[in-house]
Every structure is written in C-alpha cells, then in structure tokens.
PDB file of N, CA and C in Angstrom:
ATOM      1  N   UNK A   1      -1.382   6.163  -1.144  1.00  0.00           N
ATOM      2  CA  UNK A   1      -0.779   7.452  -1.397  1.00  0.00           C
ATOM      3  C   UNK A   1      -1.726   8.287  -2.252  1.00  0.00           C
ATOM      4  N   UNK A   2      -1.913   9.517  -1.871  1.00  0.00           N
ATOM      5  CA  UNK A   2      -2.773  10.431  -2.618  1.00  0.00           C
ATOM      6  C   UNK A   2      -2.020  10.968  -3.831  1.00  0.00           C
ATOM      7  N   UNK A   3      -2.712  10.962  -4.969  1.00  0.00           N
ATOM      8  CA  UNK A   3      -2.172  11.520  -6.205  1.00  0.00           C
ATOM      9  C   UNK A   3      -3.221  12.437  -6.814  1.00  0.00           C
ATOM     10  N   UNK A   4      -2.814  13.204  -7.808  1.00  0.00           N
ATOM     11  CA  UNK A   4      -3.766  13.989  -8.594  1.00  0.00           C
ATOM     12  C   UNK A   4      -3.464  13.780 -10.069  1.00  0.00           C
ATOM     13  N   UNK A   5      -4.517  13.782 -10.853  1.00  0.00           N
ATOM     14  CA  UNK A   5      -4.413  13.773 -12.308  1.00  0.00           C
ATOM     15  C   UNK A   5      -4.782  15.176 -12.760  1.00  0.00           C
ATOM     16  N   UNK A   6      -3.871  15.832 -13.440  1.00  0.00           N
ATOM     17  CA  UNK A   6      -4.130  17.174 -13.960  1.00  0.00           C
ATOM     18  C   UNK A   6      -4.345  17.065 -15.467  1.00  0.00           C
ATOM     19  N   UNK A   7      -5.408  17.687 -15.917  1.00  0.00           N
ATOM     20  CA  UNK A   7      -5.702  17.767 -17.345  1.00  0.00           C
ATOM     21  C   UNK A   7      -6.157  19.194 -17.606  1.00  0.00           C
ATOM     22  N   UNK A   8      -5.252  20.018 -18.053  1.00  0.00           N
ATOM     23  CA  UNK A   8      -5.563  21.431 -18.198  1.00  0.00           C
ATOM     24  C   UNK A   8      -5.861  22.028 -16.838  1.00  0.00           C
ATOM     25  N   UNK A   9      -7.028  22.648 -16.707  1.00  0.00           N
ATOM     26  CA  UNK A   9      -7.426  23.274 -15.446  1.00  0.00           C
ATOM     27  C   UNK A   9      -8.125  22.307 -14.489  1.00  0.00           C
ATOM     28  N   UNK A  10      -8.406  21.098 -14.940  1.00  0.00           N
ATOM     29  CA  UNK A  10      -9.126  20.116 -14.124  1.00  0.00           C
ATOM     30  C   UNK A  10      -8.127  19.305 -13.304  1.00  0.00           C
ATOM     31  N   UNK A  11      -8.378  19.227 -11.999  1.00  0.00           N
ATOM     32  CA  UNK A  11      -7.524  18.464 -11.082  1.00  0.00           C
ATOM     33  C   UNK A  11      -8.387  17.392 -10.430  1.00  0.00           C
ATOM     34  N   UNK A  12      -8.008  16.125 -10.650  1.00  0.00           N
ATOM     35  CA  UNK A  12      -8.797  14.991 -10.171  1.00  0.00           C
ATOM     36  C   UNK A  12      -8.004  14.238  -9.113  1.00  0.00           C
ATOM     37  N   UNK A  13      -8.488  14.209  -7.861  1.00  0.00           N
ATOM     38  CA  UNK A  13      -7.790  13.440  -6.828  1.00  0.00           C
ATOM     39  C   UNK A  13      -8.024  11.944  -6.996  1.00  0.00           C
ATOM     40  N   UNK A  14      -7.022  11.164  -6.624  1.00  0.00           N
ATOM     41  CA  UNK A  14      -7.118   9.702  -6.669  1.00  0.00           C
ATOM     42  C   UNK A  14      -6.184   9.138  -5.603  1.00  0.00           C
ATOM     43  N   UNK A  15      -6.285   7.828  -5.388  1.00  0.00           N
ATOM     44  CA  UNK A  15      -5.452   7.159  -4.387  1.00  0.00           C
ATOM     45  C   UNK A  15      -4.777   5.953  -5.012  1.00  0.00           C
ATOM     46  N   UNK A  16      -3.440   5.914  -4.930  1.00  0.00           N
ATOM     47  CA  UNK A  16      -2.698   4.737  -5.385  1.00  0.00           C
ATOM     48  C   UNK A  16      -2.956   3.596  -4.418  1.00  0.00           C
ATOM     49  N   UNK A  17      -3.015   2.369  -4.941  1.00  0.00           N
ATOM     50  CA  UNK A  17      -3.161   1.204  -4.070  1.00  0.00           C
ATOM     51  C   UNK A  17      -1.779   0.623  -3.759  1.00  0.00           C
ATOM     52  N   UNK A  18      -1.741  -0.561  -3.188  1.00  0.00           N
ATOM     53  CA  UNK A  18      -0.461  -1.139  -2.769  1.00  0.00           C
ATOM     54  C   UNK A  18      -0.020  -2.316  -3.635  1.00  0.00           C
ATOM     55  N   UNK A  19      -0.504  -2.394  -4.876  1.00  0.00           N
ATOM     56  CA  UNK A  19      -0.061  -3.454  -5.777  1.00  0.00           C
ATOM     57  C   UNK A  19       1.387  -3.193  -6.204  1.00  0.00           C
ATOM     58  N   UNK A  20       2.029  -4.230  -6.696  1.00  0.00           N
ATOM     59  CA  UNK A  20       3.393  -4.088  -7.213  1.00  0.00           C
ATOM     60  C   UNK A  20       3.426  -3.038  -8.318  1.00  0.00           C
ATOM     61  N   UNK A  21       2.435  -3.067  -9.206  1.00  0.00           N
ATOM     62  CA  UNK A  21       2.379  -2.107 -10.313  1.00  0.00           C
ATOM     63  C   UNK A  21       2.237  -0.674  -9.807  1.00  0.00           C
ATOM     64  N   UNK A  22       1.427  -0.465  -8.774  1.00  0.00           N
ATOM     65  CA  UNK A  22       1.238   0.877  -8.219  1.00  0.00           C
ATOM     66  C   UNK A  22       2.511   1.376  -7.551  1.00  0.00           C
ATOM     67  N   UNK A  23       3.186   0.497  -6.829  1.00  0.00           N
ATOM     68  CA  UNK A  23       4.435   0.893  -6.178  1.00  0.00           C
ATOM     69  C   UNK A  23       5.491   1.254  -7.215  1.00  0.00           C
ATOM     70  N   UNK A  24       5.529   0.513  -8.317  1.00  0.00           N
ATOM     71  CA  UNK A  24       6.450   0.839  -9.402  1.00  0.00           C
ATOM     72  C   UNK A  24       6.051   2.163 -10.064  1.00  0.00           C
ATOM     73  N   UNK A  25       4.756   2.362 -10.286  1.00  0.00           N
ATOM     74  CA  UNK A  25       4.270   3.595 -10.907  1.00  0.00           C
ATOM     75  C   UNK A  25       4.644   4.810 -10.062  1.00  0.00           C
ATOM     76  N   UNK A  26       4.587   4.675  -8.761  1.00  0.00           N
ATOM     77  CA  UNK A  26       4.926   5.767  -7.842  1.00  0.00           C
ATOM     78  C   UNK A  26       6.331   6.303  -8.132  1.00  0.00           C
ATOM     79  N   UNK A  27       7.255   5.421  -8.505  1.00  0.00           N
ATOM     80  CA  UNK A  27       8.629   5.852  -8.784  1.00  0.00           C
ATOM     81  C   UNK A  27       8.723   6.634 -10.091  1.00  0.00           C
ATOM     82  N   UNK A  28       7.674   6.599 -10.904  1.00  0.00           N
ATOM     83  CA  UNK A  28       7.666   7.283 -12.202  1.00  0.00           C
ATOM     84  C   UNK A  28       7.025   8.673 -12.133  1.00  0.00           C
ATOM     85  N   UNK A  29       6.536   9.049 -10.961  1.00  0.00           N
ATOM     86  CA  UNK A  29       5.884  10.349 -10.815  1.00  0.00           C
ATOM     87  C   UNK A  29       6.922  11.466 -10.813  1.00  0.00           C
ATOM     88  N   UNK A  30       6.635  12.629 -11.371  1.00  0.00           N
ATOM     89  CA  UNK A  30       5.428  12.931 -12.138  1.00  0.00           C
ATOM     90  C   UNK A  30       5.446  12.204 -13.485  1.00  0.00           C
ATOM     91  N   UNK A  31       4.259  11.861 -13.947  1.00  0.00           N
ATOM     92  CA  UNK A  31       4.072  11.035 -15.138  1.00  0.00           C
ATOM     93  C   UNK A  31       3.145  11.773 -16.092  1.00  0.00           C
ATOM     94  N   UNK A  32       3.496  11.808 -17.365  1.00  0.00           N
ATOM     95  CA  UNK A  32       2.662  12.494 -18.357  1.00  0.00           C
ATOM     96  C   UNK A  32       2.331  11.550 -19.504  1.00  0.00           C
ATOM     97  N   UNK A  33       1.076  11.562 -19.924  1.00  0.00           N
ATOM     98  CA  UNK A  33       0.636  10.751 -21.053  1.00  0.00           C
ATOM     99  C   UNK A  33      -0.561  11.421 -21.721  1.00  0.00           C
ATOM    100  N   UNK A  34      -0.745  11.126 -22.980  1.00  0.00           N
ATOM    101  CA  UNK A  34      -1.868  11.687 -23.734  1.00  0.00           C
ATOM    102  C   UNK A  34      -2.704  10.565 -24.321  1.00  0.00           C
ATOM    103  N   UNK A  35      -3.986  10.854 -24.498  1.00  0.00           N
ATOM    104  CA  UNK A  35      -4.868   9.846 -25.064  1.00  0.00           C
ATOM    105  C   UNK A  35      -6.214  10.425 -25.424  1.00  0.00           C
ATOM    106  N   UNK A  36      -7.205   9.549 -25.491  1.00  0.00           N
ATOM    107  CA  UNK A  36      -8.518   9.927 -25.992  1.00  0.00           C
ATOM    108  C   UNK A  36      -9.621   9.235 -25.186  1.00  0.00           C
ATOM    109  N   UNK A  37     -10.788   9.820 -25.269  1.00  0.00           N
ATOM    110  CA  UNK A  37     -11.957   9.280 -24.585  1.00  0.00           C
ATOM    111  C   UNK A  37     -12.597   8.199 -25.445  1.00  0.00           C
ATOM    112  N   UNK A  38     -12.936   7.080 -24.811  1.00  0.00           N
ATOM    113  CA  UNK A  38     -13.728   6.052 -25.474  1.00  0.00           C
ATOM    114  C   UNK A  38     -15.007   5.871 -24.659  1.00  0.00           C
ATOM    115  N   UNK A  39     -15.742   4.834 -24.903  1.00  0.00           N
ATOM    116  CA  UNK A  39     -17.036   4.646 -24.252  1.00  0.00           C
ATOM    117  C   UNK A  39     -16.934   4.610 -22.734  1.00  0.00           C
ATOM    118  N   UNK A  40     -15.953   3.867 -22.211  1.00  0.00           N
ATOM    119  CA  UNK A  40     -15.865   3.643 -20.773  1.00  0.00           C
ATOM    120  C   UNK A  40     -14.656   4.281 -20.108  1.00  0.00           C
ATOM    121  N   UNK A  41     -13.707   4.782 -20.903  1.00  0.00           N
ATOM    122  CA  UNK A  41     -12.458   5.230 -20.288  1.00  0.00           C
ATOM    123  C   UNK A  41     -11.721   6.234 -21.157  1.00  0.00           C
ATOM    124  N   UNK A  42     -10.672   6.787 -20.570  1.00  0.00           N
ATOM    125  CA  UNK A  42      -9.666   7.517 -21.322  1.00  0.00           C
ATOM    126  C   UNK A  42      -8.512   6.557 -21.514  1.00  0.00           C
ATOM    127  N   UNK A  43      -8.131   6.308 -22.760  1.00  0.00           N
ATOM    128  CA  UNK A  43      -7.044   5.386 -23.112  1.00  0.00           C
ATOM    129  C   UNK A  43      -5.820   6.211 -23.471  1.00  0.00           C
ATOM    130  N   UNK A  44      -4.744   5.998 -22.742  1.00  0.00           N
ATOM    131  CA  UNK A  44      -3.505   6.726 -22.976  1.00  0.00           C
ATOM    132  C   UNK A  44      -2.358   5.726 -23.065  1.00  0.00           C
ATOM    133  N   UNK A  45      -1.430   5.968 -23.958  1.00  0.00           N
ATOM    134  CA  UNK A  45      -0.301   5.055 -24.076  1.00  0.00           C
ATOM    135  C   UNK A  45       0.629   5.207 -22.876  1.00  0.00           C
ATOM    136  N   UNK A  46       1.182   4.080 -22.442  1.00  0.00           N
ATOM    137  CA  UNK A  46       2.107   4.079 -21.306  1.00  0.00           C
ATOM    138  C   UNK A  46       2.883   2.775 -21.289  1.00  0.00           C
ATOM    139  N   UNK A  47       4.151   2.870 -21.016  1.00  0.00           N
ATOM    140  CA  UNK A  47       4.967   1.673 -20.877  1.00  0.00           C
ATOM    141  C   UNK A  47       4.575   0.958 -19.598  1.00  0.00           C
ATOM    142  N   UNK A  48       4.336  -0.336 -19.725  1.00  0.00           N
ATOM    143  CA  UNK A  48       3.999  -1.140 -18.553  1.00  0.00           C
ATOM    144  C   UNK A  48       5.262  -1.320 -17.722  1.00  0.00           C
ATOM    145  N   UNK A  49       5.155  -1.107 -16.435  1.00  0.00           N
ATOM    146  CA  UNK A  49       6.292  -1.277 -15.538  1.00  0.00           C
ATOM    147  C   UNK A  49       6.273  -2.652 -14.897  1.00  0.00           C
ATOM    148  N   UNK A  50       6.870  -2.743 -13.731  1.00  0.00           N
ATOM    149  CA  UNK A  50       6.871  -3.997 -12.983  1.00  0.00           C
ATOM    150  C   UNK A  50       5.471  -4.261 -12.444  1.00  0.00           C
ATOM    151  N   UNK A  51       5.100  -5.542 -12.388  1.00  0.00           N
ATOM    152  CA  UNK A  51       3.806  -5.925 -11.836  1.00  0.00           C
ATOM    153  C   UNK A  51       3.848  -7.390 -11.442  1.00  0.00           C
ATOM    154  N   UNK A  52       2.888  -7.780 -10.629  1.00  0.00           N
ATOM    155  CA  UNK A  52       2.690  -9.177 -10.247  1.00  0.00           C
ATOM    156  C   UNK A  52       1.495  -9.667 -11.060  1.00  0.00           C
ATOM    157  N   UNK A  53       1.716 -10.635 -11.935  1.00  0.00           N
ATOM    158  CA  UNK A  53       0.650 -11.121 -12.821  1.00  0.00           C
ATOM    159  C   UNK A  53      -0.569 -11.602 -12.044  1.00  0.00           C
ATOM    160  N   UNK A  54      -0.380 -12.072 -10.824  1.00  0.00           N
ATOM    161  CA  UNK A  54      -1.511 -12.554 -10.026  1.00  0.00           C
ATOM    162  C   UNK A  54      -2.423 -11.413  -9.577  1.00  0.00           C
ATOM    163  N   UNK A  55      -1.968 -10.165  -9.704  1.00  0.00           N
ATOM    164  CA  UNK A  55      -2.784  -9.014  -9.307  1.00  0.00           C
ATOM    165  C   UNK A  55      -3.623  -8.469 -10.469  1.00  0.00           C
ATOM    166  N   UNK A  56      -3.399  -8.977 -11.680  1.00  0.00           N
ATOM    167  CA  UNK A  56      -4.253  -8.568 -12.799  1.00  0.00           C
ATOM    168  C   UNK A  56      -5.627  -9.204 -12.620  1.00  0.00           C
ATOM    169  N   UNK A  57      -6.635  -8.598 -13.225  1.00  0.00           N
ATOM    170  CA  UNK A  57      -7.997  -9.076 -12.997  1.00  0.00           C
ATOM    171  C   UNK A  57      -8.868  -8.872 -14.227  1.00  0.00           C
ATOM    172  N   UNK A  58     -10.039  -9.466 -14.166  1.00  0.00           N
ATOM    173  CA  UNK A  58     -11.105  -9.212 -15.128  1.00  0.00           C
ATOM    174  C   UNK A  58     -11.969  -8.105 -14.550  1.00  0.00           C
ATOM    175  N   UNK A  59     -12.352  -7.162 -15.384  1.00  0.00           N
ATOM    176  CA  UNK A  59     -13.290  -6.121 -14.976  1.00  0.00           C
ATOM    177  C   UNK A  59     -12.665  -5.033 -14.128  1.00  0.00           C
ATOM    178  N   UNK A  60     -13.498  -4.026 -13.837  1.00  0.00           N
ATOM    179  CA  UNK A  60     -13.059  -2.887 -13.040  1.00  0.00           C
ATOM    180  C   UNK A  60     -14.231  -2.293 -12.293  1.00  0.00           C
ATOM    181  N   UNK A  61     -13.912  -1.404 -11.388  1.00  0.00           N
ATOM    182  CA  UNK A  61     -14.908  -0.576 -10.716  1.00  0.00           C
ATOM    183  C   UNK A  61     -14.800   0.817 -11.338  1.00  0.00           C
ATOM    184  N   UNK A  62     -15.938   1.477 -11.535  1.00  0.00           N
ATOM    185  CA  UNK A  62     -15.898   2.840 -12.056  1.00  0.00           C
ATOM    186  C   UNK A  62     -15.002   3.677 -11.152  1.00  0.00           C
ATOM    187  N   UNK A  63     -14.054   4.366 -11.748  1.00  0.00           N
ATOM    188  CA  UNK A  63     -13.083   5.154 -10.997  1.00  0.00           C
ATOM    189  C   UNK A  63     -11.710   4.509 -10.934  1.00  0.00           C
ATOM    190  N   UNK A  64     -11.599   3.240 -11.337  1.00  0.00           N
ATOM    191  CA  UNK A  64     -10.286   2.588 -11.343  1.00  0.00           C
ATOM    192  C   UNK A  64      -9.374   3.225 -12.388  1.00  0.00           C
ATOM    193  N   UNK A  65      -8.096   3.222 -12.078  1.00  0.00           N
ATOM    194  CA  UNK A  65      -7.054   3.605 -13.022  1.00  0.00           C
ATOM    195  C   UNK A  65      -6.201   2.364 -13.219  1.00  0.00           C
ATOM    196  N   UNK A  66      -6.070   1.933 -14.458  1.00  0.00           N
ATOM    197  CA  UNK A  66      -5.345   0.701 -14.780  1.00  0.00           C
ATOM    198  C   UNK A  66      -4.102   1.020 -15.603  1.00  0.00           C
ATOM    199  N   UNK A  67      -3.045   0.251 -15.361  1.00  0.00           N
ATOM    200  CA  UNK A  67      -1.825   0.358 -16.154  1.00  0.00           C
ATOM    201  C   UNK A  67      -1.440  -1.044 -16.582  1.00  0.00           C
ATOM    202  N   UNK A  68      -1.759  -1.385 -17.835  1.00  0.00           N
ATOM    203  CA  UNK A  68      -1.490  -2.740 -18.328  1.00  0.00           C
ATOM    204  C   UNK A  68      -1.515  -2.756 -19.846  1.00  0.00           C
ATOM    205  N   UNK A  69      -0.739  -3.655 -20.414  1.00  0.00           N
ATOM    206  CA  UNK A  69      -0.776  -3.870 -21.854  1.00  0.00           C
ATOM    207  C   UNK A  69      -0.422  -2.655 -22.689  1.00  0.00           C
ATOM    208  N   UNK A  70       0.369  -1.750 -22.136  1.00  0.00           N
ATOM    209  CA  UNK A  70       0.743  -0.543 -22.867  1.00  0.00           C
ATOM    210  C   UNK A  70      -0.250   0.596 -22.763  1.00  0.00           C
ATOM    211  N   UNK A  71      -1.242   0.444 -21.857  1.00  0.00           N
ATOM    212  CA  UNK A  71      -2.278   1.465 -21.700  1.00  0.00           C
ATOM    213  C   UNK A  71      -2.385   1.943 -20.258  1.00  0.00           C
ATOM    214  N   UNK A  72      -2.487   3.254 -20.101  1.00  0.00           N
ATOM    215  CA  UNK A  72      -2.876   3.901 -18.853  1.00  0.00           C
ATOM    216  C   UNK A  72      -4.336   4.260 -19.077  1.00  0.00           C
ATOM    217  N   UNK A  73      -5.237   3.651 -18.328  1.00  0.00           N
ATOM    218  CA  UNK A  73      -6.672   3.832 -18.565  1.00  0.00           C
ATOM    219  C   UNK A  73      -7.359   4.397 -17.334  1.00  0.00           C
ATOM    220  N   UNK A  74      -8.106   5.469 -17.532  1.00  0.00           N
ATOM    221  CA  UNK A  74      -8.942   6.043 -16.486  1.00  0.00           C
ATOM    222  C   UNK A  74     -10.351   5.542 -16.772  1.00  0.00           C
ATOM    223  N   UNK A  75     -10.785   4.569 -15.985  1.00  0.00           N
ATOM    224  CA  UNK A  75     -12.040   3.842 -16.225  1.00  0.00           C
ATOM    225  C   UNK A  75     -13.173   4.522 -15.453  1.00  0.00           C
ATOM    226  N   UNK A  76     -13.986   5.302 -16.146  1.00  0.00           N
ATOM    227  CA  UNK A  76     -15.002   6.113 -15.473  1.00  0.00           C
ATOM    228  C   UNK A  76     -16.415   5.547 -15.577  1.00  0.00           C
ATOM    229  N   UNK A  77     -16.628   4.526 -16.393  1.00  0.00           N
ATOM    230  CA  UNK A  77     -17.968   3.961 -16.588  1.00  0.00           C
ATOM    231  C   UNK A  77     -17.837   2.508 -17.025  1.00  0.00           C
ATOM    232  N   UNK A  78     -18.980   1.831 -17.159  1.00  0.00           N
ATOM    233  CA  UNK A  78     -18.996   0.482 -17.712  1.00  0.00           C
ATOM    234  C   UNK A  78     -18.712  -0.643 -16.751  1.00  0.00           C
ATOM    235  N   UNK A  79     -18.680  -0.342 -15.456  1.00  0.00           N
ATOM    236  CA  UNK A  79     -18.389  -1.390 -14.465  1.00  0.00           C
ATOM    237  C   UNK A  79     -19.289  -2.610 -14.652  1.00  0.00           C
ATOM    238  N   UNK A  80     -20.566  -2.376 -14.910  1.00  0.00           N
ATOM    239  CA  UNK A  80     -21.534  -3.469 -15.015  1.00  0.00           C
ATOM    240  C   UNK A  80     -21.238  -4.396 -16.196  1.00  0.00           C
ATOM    241  N   UNK A  81     -20.630  -3.863 -17.250  1.00  0.00           N
ATOM    242  CA  UNK A  81     -20.322  -4.660 -18.437  1.00  0.00           C
ATOM    243  C   UNK A  81     -18.865  -5.114 -18.488  1.00  0.00           C
ATOM    244  N   UNK A  82     -18.081  -4.839 -17.465  1.00  0.00           N
ATOM    245  CA  UNK A  82     -16.634  -5.006 -17.557  1.00  0.00           C
ATOM    246  C   UNK A  82     -16.103  -6.402 -17.260  1.00  0.00           C
ATOM    247  N   UNK A  83     -16.933  -7.303 -16.783  1.00  0.00           N
ATOM    248  CA  UNK A  83     -16.447  -8.616 -16.331  1.00  0.00           C
ATOM    249  C   UNK A  83     -15.727  -9.412 -17.410  1.00  0.00           C
ATOM    250  N   UNK A  84     -16.013  -9.156 -18.670  1.00  0.00           N
ATOM    251  CA  UNK A  84     -15.374  -9.923 -19.745  1.00  0.00           C
ATOM    252  C   UNK A  84     -14.038  -9.322 -20.193  1.00  0.00           C
ATOM    253  N   UNK A  85     -13.680  -8.155 -19.665  1.00  0.00           N
ATOM    254  CA  UNK A  85     -12.416  -7.514 -20.033  1.00  0.00           C
ATOM    255  C   UNK A  85     -11.308  -8.031 -19.128  1.00  0.00           C
ATOM    256  N   UNK A  86     -10.253  -8.583 -19.748  1.00  0.00           N
ATOM    257  CA  UNK A  86      -9.137  -9.074 -18.944  1.00  0.00           C
ATOM    258  C   UNK A  86      -7.959  -8.107 -19.050  1.00  0.00           C
ATOM    259  N   UNK A  87      -6.861  -8.457 -18.429  1.00  0.00           N
ATOM    260  CA  UNK A  87      -5.633  -7.663 -18.456  1.00  0.00           C
ATOM    261  C   UNK A  87      -5.832  -6.293 -17.806  1.00  0.00           C
ATOM    262  N   UNK A  88      -6.647  -6.243 -16.761  1.00  0.00           N
ATOM    263  CA  UNK A  88      -6.861  -5.007 -16.012  1.00  0.00           C
ATOM    264  C   UNK A  88      -5.943  -5.041 -14.791  1.00  0.00           C
ATOM    265  N   UNK A  89      -5.130  -4.002 -14.631  1.00  0.00           N
ATOM    266  CA  UNK A  89      -4.222  -3.909 -13.490  1.00  0.00           C
ATOM    267  C   UNK A  89      -4.480  -2.591 -12.774  1.00  0.00           C
ATOM    268  N   UNK A  90      -5.444  -2.602 -11.841  1.00  0.00           N
ATOM    269  CA  UNK A  90      -5.739  -1.358 -11.126  1.00  0.00           C
ATOM    270  C   UNK A  90      -4.539  -0.909 -10.293  1.00  0.00           C
ATOM    271  N   UNK A  91      -4.154   0.355 -10.482  1.00  0.00           N
ATOM    272  CA  UNK A  91      -3.069   0.922  -9.684  1.00  0.00           C
ATOM    273  C   UNK A  91      -3.570   2.043  -8.779  1.00  0.00           C
ATOM    274  N   UNK A  92      -4.767   2.547  -9.077  1.00  0.00           N
ATOM    275  CA  UNK A  92      -5.305   3.674  -8.307  1.00  0.00           C
ATOM    276  C   UNK A  92      -6.818   3.717  -8.489  1.00  0.00           C
ATOM    277  N   UNK A  93      -7.451   4.598  -7.704  1.00  0.00           N
ATOM    278  CA  UNK A  93      -8.905   4.731  -7.783  1.00  0.00           C
ATOM    279  C   UNK A  93      -9.304   6.184  -7.549  1.00  0.00           C
ATOM    280  N   UNK A  94     -10.262   6.629  -8.342  1.00  0.00           N
ATOM    281  CA  UNK A  94     -10.887   7.940  -8.181  1.00  0.00           C
ATOM    282  C   UNK A  94     -12.204   7.706  -7.456  1.00  0.00           C
ATOM    283  N   UNK A  95     -12.396   8.364  -6.322  1.00  0.00           N
ATOM    284  CA  UNK A  95     -13.624   8.193  -5.543  1.00  0.00           C
ATOM    285  C   UNK A  95     -14.836   8.661  -6.351  1.00  0.00           C
ATOM    286  N   UNK A  96     -15.970   8.020  -6.087  1.00  0.00           N
ATOM    287  CA  UNK A  96     -17.214   8.290  -6.819  1.00  0.00           C
ATOM    288  C   UNK A  96     -17.547   9.780  -6.868  1.00  0.00           C
ATOM    289  N   UNK A  97     -17.333  10.489  -5.763  1.00  0.00           N
ATOM    290  CA  UNK A  97     -17.694  11.907  -5.731  1.00  0.00           C
ATOM    291  C   UNK A  97     -16.812  12.765  -6.647  1.00  0.00           C
ATOM    292  N   UNK A  98     -15.674  12.232  -7.080  1.00  0.00           N
ATOM    293  CA  UNK A  98     -14.792  12.985  -7.979  1.00  0.00           C
ATOM    294  C   UNK A  98     -14.953  12.595  -9.449  1.00  0.00           C
ATOM    295  N   UNK A  99     -15.730  11.548  -9.733  1.00  0.00           N
ATOM    296  CA  UNK A  99     -15.919  11.123 -11.127  1.00  0.00           C
ATOM    297  C   UNK A  99     -16.562  12.198 -12.013  1.00  0.00           C
ATOM    298  N   UNK A 100     -17.445  13.077 -11.484  1.00  0.00           N
ATOM    299  CA  UNK A 100     -17.979  14.140 -12.351  1.00  0.00           C
ATOM    300  C   UNK A 100     -16.890  15.046 -12.937  1.00  0.00           C
ATOM    301  N   UNK A 101     -15.732  15.130 -12.285  1.00  0.00           N
ATOM    302  CA  UNK A 101     -14.628  15.920 -12.834  1.00  0.00           C
ATOM    303  C   UNK A 101     -14.145  15.340 -14.166  1.00  0.00           C
ATOM    304  N   UNK A 102     -14.223  14.024 -14.290  1.00  0.00           N
ATOM    305  CA  UNK A 102     -13.804  13.367 -15.530  1.00  0.00           C
ATOM    306  C   UNK A 102     -14.720  13.786 -16.679  1.00  0.00           C
ATOM    307  N   UNK A 103     -15.998  14.017 -16.378  1.00  0.00           N
ATOM    308  CA  UNK A 103     -16.954  14.435 -17.415  1.00  0.00           C
ATOM    309  C   UNK A 103     -16.611  15.790 -18.022  1.00  0.00           C
ATOM    310  N   UNK A 104     -15.837  16.596 -17.308  1.00  0.00           N
ATOM    311  CA  UNK A 104     -15.464  17.920 -17.804  1.00  0.00           C
ATOM    312  C   UNK A 104     -14.343  17.871 -18.841  1.00  0.00           C
ATOM    313  N   UNK A 105     -13.738  16.704 -18.999  1.00  0.00           N
ATOM    314  CA  UNK A 105     -12.566  16.603 -19.862  1.00  0.00           C
ATOM    315  C   UNK A 105     -12.951  16.520 -21.335  1.00  0.00           C
ATOM    316  N   UNK A 106     -12.102  17.050 -22.214  1.00  0.00           N
ATOM    317  CA  UNK A 106     -12.364  16.961 -23.656  1.00  0.00           C
ATOM    318  C   UNK A 106     -12.107  15.545 -24.175  1.00  0.00           C
ATOM    319  N   UNK A 107     -12.427  15.307 -25.429  1.00  0.00           N
ATOM    320  CA  UNK A 107     -12.214  13.982 -26.024  1.00  0.00           C
ATOM    321  C   UNK A 107     -10.746  13.599 -26.083  1.00  0.00           C
ATOM    322  N   UNK A 108      -9.871  14.553 -26.351  1.00  0.00           N
ATOM    323  CA  UNK A 108      -8.428  14.318 -26.355  1.00  0.00           C
ATOM    324  C   UNK A 108      -7.838  15.009 -25.140  1.00  0.00           C
ATOM    325  N   UNK A 109      -6.969  14.305 -24.432  1.00  0.00           N
ATOM    326  CA  UNK A 109      -6.505  14.817 -23.154  1.00  0.00           C
ATOM    327  C   UNK A 109      -5.037  14.468 -22.926  1.00  0.00           C
ATOM    328  N   UNK A 110      -4.367  15.328 -22.177  1.00  0.00           N
ATOM    329  CA  UNK A 110      -3.037  15.025 -21.652  1.00  0.00           C
ATOM    330  C   UNK A 110      -3.151  15.047 -20.140  1.00  0.00           C
ATOM    331  N   UNK A 111      -2.788  13.926 -19.523  1.00  0.00           N
ATOM    332  CA  UNK A 111      -2.783  13.825 -18.066  1.00  0.00           C
ATOM    333  C   UNK A 111      -1.367  14.019 -17.547  1.00  0.00           C
ATOM    334  N   UNK A 112      -1.247  14.780 -16.483  1.00  0.00           N
ATOM    335  CA  UNK A 112      -0.022  14.819 -15.694  1.00  0.00           C
ATOM    336  C   UNK A 112      -0.410  14.263 -14.336  1.00  0.00           C
ATOM    337  N   UNK A 113       0.215  13.158 -13.953  1.00  0.00           N
ATOM    338  CA  UNK A 113      -0.082  12.501 -12.679  1.00  0.00           C
ATOM    339  C   UNK A 113       1.067  12.811 -11.738  1.00  0.00           C
ATOM    340  N   UNK A 114       0.727  13.284 -10.537  1.00  0.00           N
ATOM    341  CA  UNK A 114       1.764  13.624  -9.562  1.00  0.00           C
ATOM    342  C   UNK A 114       1.265  13.374  -8.157  1.00  0.00           C
ATOM    343  N   UNK A 115       2.195  13.338  -7.211  1.00  0.00           N
ATOM    344  CA  UNK A 115       1.829  13.179  -5.809  1.00  0.00           C
ATOM    345  C   UNK A 115       0.998  14.380  -5.379  1.00  0.00           C
ATOM    346  N   UNK A 116       0.018  14.132  -4.515  1.00  0.00           N
ATOM    347  CA  UNK A 116      -0.854  15.220  -4.047  1.00  0.00           C
ATOM    348  C   UNK A 116      -0.140  16.036  -2.977  1.00  0.00           C
TER     349      UNK A 116
END
C-alpha cells in the first residue's frame, strides 16, 4: 500500500509491506508523531501495535521505516553498520530516489503518515 510521510511542506512517498505490524499500522492511519534526527534516522515516539516477533530483525536497509520498542524510526542511512542493531520491525520502505527528500527535513520534525 502506498503511503506518504508529510513533514511541513515535504511529502515523502513510501510503501507499506505485508508484515503483521504494517497491517496493524495501516489501521492507525492517519498517524502523527514527532521526533528528532540522529545519525542514521529520525526517532519518533510511537506505541507499538500488534506484530509477529518472528518478523523482527537485525539491521535495516536505508529507507526502511521501523515501528518497534516504542519508536517510529525513519532509517535513512547506516545500512552498512546496522547489522548489530536488533529489535528492528520494518513496516514500510522509502525508495532510494526519494531519500534526498529526507535530507530536507529539520532536526526536529513532526510526521503525518497517511494513505497516498
């Protein structure tokens, strides 16, 4: 399912996957959360919904959006160093060609996630 992340005037397209967590997240749209930029991602607080523990993983791909452990994370960098990070639950992905849109965002951000 196509979604968009809105942060002010910036609109970032992404695609929800078919994990249990993503299907649960879909029922929460539109979804709003605020957070901050760190080295590899934007970390925003979010209540963890339903998920299948077997779908959690170590590491991420640049562009993954994870919802786990109380965090909604937009993971835009650090894929090469991410293998040691656990508790990653990818629910969506931002295609490589749209990642430059993330660079336009300020250090503190409010995301509104909605169906495209």
